[in-house]
Amino acid sequence: MDFFSVTIKQKIAETSDTATLVLDIPAELRDLFTYKQGQYLTVKAELDGHELRRSYSMSSSPLDQDLAITVKKVSGGKVSTWLHDQLQTGDTLEVAPPAGRFYHELHPEKRRTYYMFAAGSGITPIMSIIKTTLESEPMSAIFLLYGSRNEENIIFRDALDRLSERYVGQLHVEHVLSQPKKESTGGGVFGMFKKSTTNWNGKIGRINGRLTNTFMDENMPHGPESDCVYFICGPGDMADLVKATLLGRAIDAKQIHTEHFVNATHTPGEFAGGTGGKKVIVQLKGNRIELPVPEGATILDVLVKAKHDPPYSCTSGACSTCMAKLTSGKVRMDACYALDDEEVKNGYILTCQSHPETDVVELTYDM
């Protein structure tokens, strides 16, 4: 997997724990870094003696002059903390070219209705999709339901307000807060009768099945249901709940695009050694590789430990960078957010989540 050094052209504070990094892509790399709205970059970092990789979605649009990723600092997240707290304008970053399938082909003559659901930093790829769709498919309408903790944590709040004003009738944004700020009022004797109130006039709670159904009922499509497209991005439980709710409304699964934001908890290649286990035979970059897979290790683990440089990024099953095709044998996947049922049925696997179930497993990355 090839990585390239790029310079941080600008660092923009979006909230207290979220920053946008505008990257200066050299002219000779522009073609390689051409991307679709909703895609991500893989960032590589050497921290505490370990190579770590993480995927970060572009918040910029392919129509923008510059490419930008937006990073939310995650509690315990080594790479996000390093990007947010340490890196500044002028620093360099190791990134792999854009990847990902969280997008829908746009056509200027189409008149579609887009329903988008985002929570927290899940707004990042959604923002890229919104900006691109507004310009590239001007007859389509977009309805966004965006969940945040409180007003101060609404990423891109001002930018979304400006877009809503500029594209009146085309973009409709509704915020929902789980913990809106409260203020004490009244007081009485010794403050005994103080009341907590909030100035927030919007919806309160988390994006769940009830809010999803209400949002859909309040925002009718501008055309037939077959011309509707759905995008969901956020934590795994939120994304799964919204998707299940949409499917419960008899919406075709092929119209629903889902991206899970899941924190990585494992460093590939780090596992307890041991004998026994199964064997994996891998076709990678034209080479045939045979390796034992100890109990508990994933296929990606043994490839990374043996320094075969397999493609990978998020290590949590949320992206498809490590995808391969099973040609023989059977595997068990811990999580499989990035593949749909049809792809799994056709033999595709996420190697960062795959454990051999048969004595010998064969697969190929060279597809």
Protein backbone atom coordinates (compact mmCIF):
# COMPACT_ATOMS: atom_id res chain seq x y z
CA MET A 1 0.00 0.00 0.00
CA ASP A 2 1.65 3.24 -1.16
CA PHE A 3 1.81 6.34 1.03
CA PHE A 4 2.84 9.86 0.08
CA SER A 5 4.04 12.86 2.09
CA VAL A 6 1.76 15.90 1.90
CA THR A 7 1.90 19.20 3.75
CA ILE A 8 -0.82 20.59 5.98
CA LYS A 9 -1.77 23.84 4.25
CA GLN A 10 -4.20 25.01 6.92
CA LYS A 11 -5.63 23.77 10.22
CA ILE A 12 -9.16 24.92 11.08
CA ALA A 13 -10.75 24.45 14.50
CA GLU A 14 -14.34 23.30 13.95
CA THR A 15 -15.17 22.62 17.63
CA SER A 16 -13.08 22.18 20.78
CA ASP A 17 -12.26 18.59 19.81
CA THR A 18 -12.58 18.64 16.02
CA ALA A 19 -10.24 20.11 13.40
CA THR A 20 -10.15 20.24 9.63
CA LEU A 21 -6.77 19.69 7.98
CA VAL A 22 -6.49 21.24 4.53
CA LEU A 23 -3.82 19.34 2.60
CA ASP A 24 -1.50 20.67 -0.07
CA ILE A 25 -1.49 17.97 -2.74
CA PRO A 26 1.52 18.43 -5.09
CA ALA A 27 0.73 18.86 -8.77
CA GLU A 28 2.34 15.52 -9.64
CA LEU A 29 -0.05 13.71 -7.25
CA ARG A 30 -3.29 15.48 -8.21
CA ASP A 31 -4.49 12.73 -10.55
CA LEU A 32 -3.69 10.04 -7.98
CA PHE A 33 -5.66 11.94 -5.33
CA THR A 34 -8.76 12.52 -7.45
CA TYR A 35 -11.71 11.41 -5.34
CA LYS A 36 -15.45 10.95 -5.09
CA GLN A 37 -17.61 12.75 -2.54
CA GLY A 38 -17.83 10.62 0.63
CA GLN A 39 -14.48 8.86 0.25
CA TYR A 40 -11.65 8.76 2.80
CA LEU A 41 -7.87 8.94 3.08
CA THR A 42 -5.75 6.46 5.02
CA VAL A 43 -3.31 8.23 7.35
CA LYS A 44 -0.15 6.46 8.53
CA ALA A 45 1.64 7.47 11.73
CA GLU A 46 4.60 6.13 13.71
CA LEU A 47 3.64 6.54 17.37
CA ASP A 48 5.35 4.95 20.37
CA GLY A 49 7.31 2.64 18.10
CA HIS A 50 4.24 1.31 16.29
CA GLU A 51 2.92 1.95 12.81
CA LEU A 52 -0.73 2.94 13.05
CA ARG A 53 -3.18 3.52 10.21
CA ARG A 54 -6.54 5.21 10.38
CA SER A 55 -9.11 6.24 7.79
CA TYR A 56 -10.43 9.82 7.80
CA SER A 57 -13.19 11.02 5.50
CA MET A 58 -12.80 14.01 3.26
CA SER A 59 -15.05 16.89 4.28
CA SER A 60 -14.12 18.78 1.13
CA SER A 61 -15.91 18.34 -2.16
CA PRO A 62 -14.14 17.16 -5.33
CA LEU A 63 -15.31 20.51 -6.71
CA ASP A 64 -13.24 22.39 -4.10
CA GLN A 65 -9.77 23.66 -4.90
CA ASP A 66 -8.20 21.91 -1.90
CA LEU A 67 -8.60 18.48 -0.34
CA ALA A 68 -9.44 18.43 3.37
CA ILE A 69 -10.09 15.83 6.05
CA THR A 70 -11.85 16.50 9.34
CA VAL A 71 -10.67 14.75 12.50
CA LYS A 72 -12.48 14.42 15.81
CA LYS A 73 -10.27 13.74 18.82
CA VAL A 74 -11.35 10.42 20.31
CA SER A 75 -10.77 9.55 23.96
CA GLY A 76 -7.89 7.08 23.95
CA GLY A 77 -7.43 7.48 20.19
CA LYS A 78 -3.70 7.75 19.55
CA VAL A 79 -3.84 8.91 15.94
CA SER A 80 -6.78 11.31 16.29
CA THR A 81 -5.17 12.88 19.39
CA TRP A 82 -1.86 13.27 17.56
CA LEU A 83 -3.55 14.84 14.53
CA HIS A 84 -5.70 17.17 16.63
CA ASP A 85 -3.22 18.21 19.33
CA GLN A 86 0.22 17.94 17.73
CA LEU A 87 0.12 18.61 14.01
CA GLN A 88 0.07 22.19 12.81
CA THR A 89 0.13 24.14 9.56
CA GLY A 90 3.35 23.31 7.69
CA ASP A 91 3.74 19.81 9.13
CA THR A 92 3.75 16.80 6.83
CA LEU A 93 1.44 13.82 6.83
CA GLU A 94 1.76 10.34 5.29
CA VAL A 95 -1.41 9.48 3.38
CA ALA A 96 -2.57 6.86 0.90
CA PRO A 97 -4.76 7.86 -2.07
CA PRO A 98 -8.54 8.17 -1.62
CA ALA A 99 -10.67 5.06 -1.27
CA GLY A 100 -14.14 4.05 -0.16
CA ARG A 101 -17.58 3.30 -1.58
CA PHE A 102 -19.77 5.70 0.39
CA TYR A 103 -21.05 7.68 -2.59
CA HIS A 104 -23.67 7.72 -5.30
CA GLU A 105 -23.05 8.67 -8.92
CA LEU A 106 -24.48 12.11 -9.67
CA HIS A 107 -26.19 13.25 -12.87
CA PRO A 108 -27.16 16.91 -13.48
CA GLU A 109 -30.43 16.00 -15.21
CA LYS A 110 -31.69 13.87 -12.30
CA ARG A 111 -34.32 15.05 -9.82
CA ARG A 112 -33.78 12.90 -6.74
CA THR A 113 -34.55 13.19 -3.04
CA TYR A 114 -31.67 12.49 -0.66
CA TYR A 115 -32.22 11.63 2.99
CA MET A 116 -29.07 11.90 5.07
CA PHE A 117 -28.57 10.86 8.69
CA ALA A 118 -25.39 11.78 10.59
CA ALA A 119 -24.26 11.71 14.20
CA GLY A 120 -21.15 13.38 15.61
CA SER A 121 -18.17 13.24 13.26
CA GLY A 122 -20.31 11.18 10.89
CA ILE A 123 -21.15 14.53 9.32
CA THR A 124 -17.68 14.58 7.70
CA PRO A 125 -18.34 12.48 4.57
CA ILE A 126 -21.96 13.68 4.54
CA MET A 127 -20.68 17.26 4.23
CA SER A 128 -18.64 16.27 1.19
CA ILE A 129 -21.69 14.58 -0.34
CA ILE A 130 -23.97 17.55 0.39
CA LYS A 131 -21.66 20.15 -1.15
CA THR A 132 -21.09 18.07 -4.26
CA THR A 133 -24.73 17.11 -4.76
CA LEU A 134 -26.00 20.69 -4.42
CA GLU A 135 -23.80 21.78 -7.32
CA SER A 136 -23.70 18.66 -9.48
CA GLU A 137 -27.37 17.67 -9.22
CA PRO A 138 -29.14 21.04 -8.79
CA MET A 139 -32.69 19.74 -9.26
CA SER A 140 -32.37 17.27 -6.38
CA ALA A 141 -33.41 17.95 -2.78
CA ILE A 142 -31.48 17.02 0.36
CA PHE A 143 -32.94 16.43 3.82
CA LEU A 144 -30.35 16.11 6.62
CA LEU A 145 -31.00 14.91 10.18
CA TYR A 146 -27.85 15.58 12.22
CA GLY A 147 -27.33 14.51 15.83
CA SER A 148 -24.84 16.19 18.19
CA ARG A 149 -24.31 16.33 21.96
CA ASN A 150 -24.94 20.08 22.36
CA GLU A 151 -24.77 23.33 20.42
CA GLU A 152 -21.02 23.70 20.91
CA ASN A 153 -20.39 20.25 19.45
CA ILE A 154 -22.22 20.78 16.17
CA ILE A 155 -19.47 20.29 13.59
CA PHE A 156 -19.87 22.54 10.50
CA ARG A 157 -22.81 24.37 12.08
CA ASP A 158 -22.02 27.72 10.44
CA ALA A 159 -21.19 26.10 7.11
CA LEU A 160 -24.47 24.18 7.11
CA ASP A 161 -26.37 27.38 7.94
CA ARG A 162 -24.71 29.17 5.02
CA LEU A 163 -25.48 26.32 2.63
CA SER A 164 -29.12 26.23 3.78
CA GLU A 165 -29.45 29.96 3.11
CA ARG A 166 -27.75 29.73 -0.27
CA TYR A 167 -29.67 26.67 -1.45
CA VAL A 168 -33.13 27.50 -0.12
CA GLY A 169 -35.61 24.82 -1.12
CA GLN A 170 -32.82 22.43 -2.04
CA LEU A 171 -31.16 21.77 1.34
CA HIS A 172 -33.13 21.23 4.55
CA VAL A 173 -31.17 20.69 7.79
CA GLU A 174 -32.61 19.55 11.11
CA HIS A 175 -30.47 19.22 14.24
CA VAL A 176 -31.15 16.98 17.21
CA LEU A 177 -29.20 17.37 20.48
CA SER A 178 -28.79 14.67 23.10
CA GLN A 179 -27.64 17.03 25.88
CA PRO A 180 -28.53 20.67 25.10
CA LYS A 181 -26.97 23.25 27.40
CA LYS A 182 -29.10 24.18 30.42
CA GLU A 183 -29.19 27.42 32.39
CA SER A 184 -30.47 28.02 35.92
CA THR A 185 -33.27 30.56 36.30
CA GLY A 186 -35.21 31.94 39.25
CA GLY A 187 -33.72 31.52 42.69
CA GLY A 188 -35.93 32.50 45.60
CA VAL A 189 -34.55 32.20 49.11
CA PHE A 190 -31.01 30.79 49.02
CA GLY A 191 -31.62 29.66 45.47
CA MET A 192 -34.03 26.96 46.60
CA PHE A 193 -36.37 27.39 43.64
CA LYS A 194 -33.89 27.49 40.76
CA LYS A 195 -35.01 25.85 37.54
CA SER A 196 -32.90 24.46 34.73
CA THR A 197 -34.03 25.53 31.29
CA THR A 198 -32.61 25.32 27.80
CA ASN A 199 -32.72 27.82 24.95
CA TRP A 200 -32.65 24.99 22.41
CA ASN A 201 -35.85 24.93 20.35
CA GLY A 202 -35.05 21.92 18.21
CA LYS A 203 -35.47 18.20 18.75
CA ILE A 204 -33.88 16.63 21.84
CA GLY A 205 -32.63 13.05 22.08
CA ARG A 206 -30.60 10.68 19.96
CA ILE A 207 -31.30 9.63 16.42
CA ASN A 208 -33.38 6.47 16.85
CA GLY A 209 -36.21 4.69 15.11
CA ARG A 210 -38.87 7.11 16.32
CA LEU A 211 -36.97 10.23 15.25
CA THR A 212 -36.08 8.64 11.93
CA ASN A 213 -39.72 7.85 11.19
CA THR A 214 -40.84 11.33 12.25
CA PHE A 215 -38.17 12.94 10.06
CA MET A 216 -39.24 10.86 7.07
CA ASP A 217 -42.93 11.62 7.61
CA GLU A 218 -42.27 15.37 7.91
CA ASN A 219 -40.16 15.54 4.75
CA MET A 220 -41.94 13.96 1.82
CA PRO A 221 -39.93 13.07 -1.30
CA HIS A 222 -40.03 15.36 -4.32
CA GLY A 223 -40.63 12.42 -6.63
CA PRO A 224 -41.18 8.66 -6.67
CA GLU A 225 -39.69 6.51 -3.90
CA SER A 226 -37.51 4.78 -6.47
CA ASP A 227 -35.66 8.11 -6.97
CA CYS A 228 -34.78 8.45 -3.27
CA VAL A 229 -31.25 7.83 -1.98
CA TYR A 230 -30.29 7.38 1.67
CA PHE A 231 -26.95 8.03 3.39
CA ILE A 232 -26.24 7.08 7.02
CA CYS A 233 -22.99 7.80 8.86
CA GLY A 234 -22.22 7.62 12.56
CA PRO A 235 -21.51 5.19 15.40
CA GLY A 236 -22.31 1.56 14.68
CA ASP A 237 -25.46 1.32 16.81
CA MET A 238 -26.94 4.53 15.41
CA ALA A 239 -26.21 3.54 11.81
CA ASP A 240 -27.67 0.06 12.27
CA LEU A 241 -30.81 1.43 13.95
CA VAL A 242 -31.50 3.99 11.23
CA LYS A 243 -30.92 1.42 8.49
CA ALA A 244 -33.25 -1.08 10.19
CA THR A 245 -35.91 1.63 10.48
CA LEU A 246 -35.63 2.48 6.78
CA LEU A 247 -35.83 -1.19 5.83
CA GLY A 248 -38.91 -1.42 8.04
CA ARG A 249 -40.49 1.23 5.81
CA ALA A 250 -40.04 -1.16 2.87
CA ILE A 251 -37.18 0.88 1.40
CA ASP A 252 -34.96 -1.11 -0.96
CA ALA A 253 -31.61 -1.89 0.69
CA LYS A 254 -29.85 -1.00 -2.57
CA GLN A 255 -30.93 2.62 -2.09
CA ILE A 256 -29.29 2.83 1.36
CA HIS A 257 -25.61 3.71 1.77
CA THR A 258 -24.14 3.18 5.23
CA GLU A 259 -20.77 4.15 6.73
CA HIS A 260 -19.96 3.09 10.29
CA PHE A 261 -17.57 5.16 12.40
CA VAL A 262 -16.02 2.64 14.79
CA ASN A 263 -12.95 3.24 16.94
CA ALA A 264 -10.03 0.88 16.33
CA THR A 265 -9.10 -1.18 19.38
CA HIS A 266 -6.43 -3.45 17.89
CA THR A 267 -3.03 -2.92 16.27
CA PRO A 268 -2.58 -5.35 13.34
CA GLY A 269 0.29 -7.79 13.75
CA GLU A 270 0.12 -7.74 17.53
CA PHE A 271 -1.03 -11.09 18.82
CA ALA A 272 0.28 -13.81 21.08
CA GLY A 273 2.49 -16.23 19.17
CA GLY A 274 1.72 -19.91 19.21
CA THR A 275 1.60 -23.11 17.26
CA GLY A 276 -1.32 -24.91 15.78
CA GLY A 277 -4.24 -23.03 14.39
CA LYS A 278 -5.03 -22.94 10.68
CA LYS A 279 -3.18 -22.11 7.46
CA VAL A 280 -3.90 -19.31 5.03
CA ILE A 281 -2.75 -19.17 1.40
CA VAL A 282 -2.83 -15.63 0.04
CA GLN A 283 -2.41 -14.16 -3.42
CA LEU A 284 -1.02 -10.63 -2.92
CA LYS A 285 0.64 -8.44 -5.54
CA GLY A 286 1.24 -11.48 -7.74
CA ASN A 287 2.91 -13.45 -4.95
CA ARG A 288 1.69 -16.65 -3.30
CA ILE A 289 2.07 -16.52 0.49
CA GLU A 290 1.50 -19.36 2.96
CA LEU A 291 1.27 -18.58 6.68
CA PRO A 292 0.00 -20.25 9.84
CA VAL A 293 -2.80 -18.40 11.64
CA PRO A 294 -2.64 -18.97 15.42
CA GLU A 295 -5.85 -19.15 17.40
CA GLY A 296 -7.26 -15.66 17.96
CA ALA A 297 -5.25 -13.96 15.21
CA THR A 298 -6.82 -12.52 12.07
CA ILE A 299 -5.58 -13.08 8.55
CA LEU A 300 -4.48 -9.45 8.43
CA ASP A 301 -2.55 -9.92 11.69
CA VAL A 302 -0.30 -12.65 10.31
CA LEU A 303 0.29 -10.83 7.01
CA VAL A 304 1.30 -7.62 8.80
CA LYS A 305 3.53 -9.47 11.28
CA ALA A 306 5.27 -11.24 8.40
CA LYS A 307 5.80 -7.83 6.74
CA HIS A 308 3.95 -8.58 3.50
CA ASP A 309 2.40 -5.07 3.43
CA PRO A 310 -1.25 -5.97 2.86
CA PRO A 311 -3.71 -3.12 2.31
CA TYR A 312 -5.58 -2.00 5.42
CA SER A 313 -6.77 1.13 7.17
CA CYS A 314 -9.42 1.28 9.91
CA THR A 315 -8.91 -2.26 11.37
CA SER A 316 -12.46 -2.17 12.76
CA GLY A 317 -14.43 -3.60 9.84
CA ALA A 318 -15.83 -0.21 8.90
CA CYS A 319 -13.94 0.45 5.66
CA SER A 320 -13.21 -1.94 2.81
CA THR A 321 -9.48 -1.29 2.38
CA CYS A 322 -8.52 -4.80 3.56
CA MET A 323 -11.13 -6.56 1.42
CA ALA A 324 -10.14 -9.80 -0.30
CA LYS A 325 -12.00 -12.63 -2.02
CA LEU A 326 -12.20 -16.07 -0.49
CA THR A 327 -11.43 -18.77 -3.06
CA SER A 328 -11.36 -21.81 -0.79
CA GLY A 329 -12.28 -22.62 2.80
CA LYS A 330 -14.36 -20.75 5.33
CA VAL A 331 -13.75 -17.79 7.68
CA ARG A 332 -15.54 -16.18 10.60
CA MET A 333 -15.69 -12.36 10.71
CA ASP A 334 -15.91 -10.50 14.03
CA ALA A 335 -17.59 -7.52 12.35
CA CYS A 336 -18.58 -6.77 8.79
CA TYR A 337 -19.83 -3.20 8.52
CA ALA A 338 -18.29 -2.48 5.11
CA LEU A 339 -19.74 -5.38 3.11
CA ASP A 340 -23.35 -6.06 2.25
CA ASP A 341 -24.99 -9.48 2.35
CA GLU A 342 -24.60 -9.99 -1.39
CA GLU A 343 -20.85 -9.33 -1.26
CA VAL A 344 -20.39 -11.75 1.63
CA LYS A 345 -22.44 -14.34 -0.26
CA ASN A 346 -20.09 -13.88 -3.24
CA GLY A 347 -17.05 -14.64 -1.09
CA TYR A 348 -15.71 -11.21 -0.18
CA ILE A 349 -14.21 -10.84 3.29
CA LEU A 350 -12.60 -8.18 5.47
CA THR A 351 -9.22 -9.65 6.40
CA CYS A 352 -8.91 -7.44 9.51
CA GLN A 353 -11.91 -9.29 10.93
CA SER A 354 -11.42 -12.77 9.48
CA HIS A 355 -10.41 -15.92 11.37
CA PRO A 356 -10.04 -19.23 9.47
CA GLU A 357 -12.68 -21.82 10.31
CA THR A 358 -11.30 -24.57 8.08
CA ASP A 359 -7.80 -26.02 8.29
CA VAL A 360 -6.78 -24.27 5.06
CA VAL A 361 -8.15 -20.99 3.73
CA GLU A 362 -7.26 -19.50 0.35
CA LEU A 363 -7.93 -15.93 -0.71
CA THR A 364 -6.79 -13.26 -3.10
CA TYR A 365 -6.27 -9.51 -2.84
CA ASP A 366 -5.51 -9.36 -6.58
CA MET A 367 -9.01 -8.76 -7.91
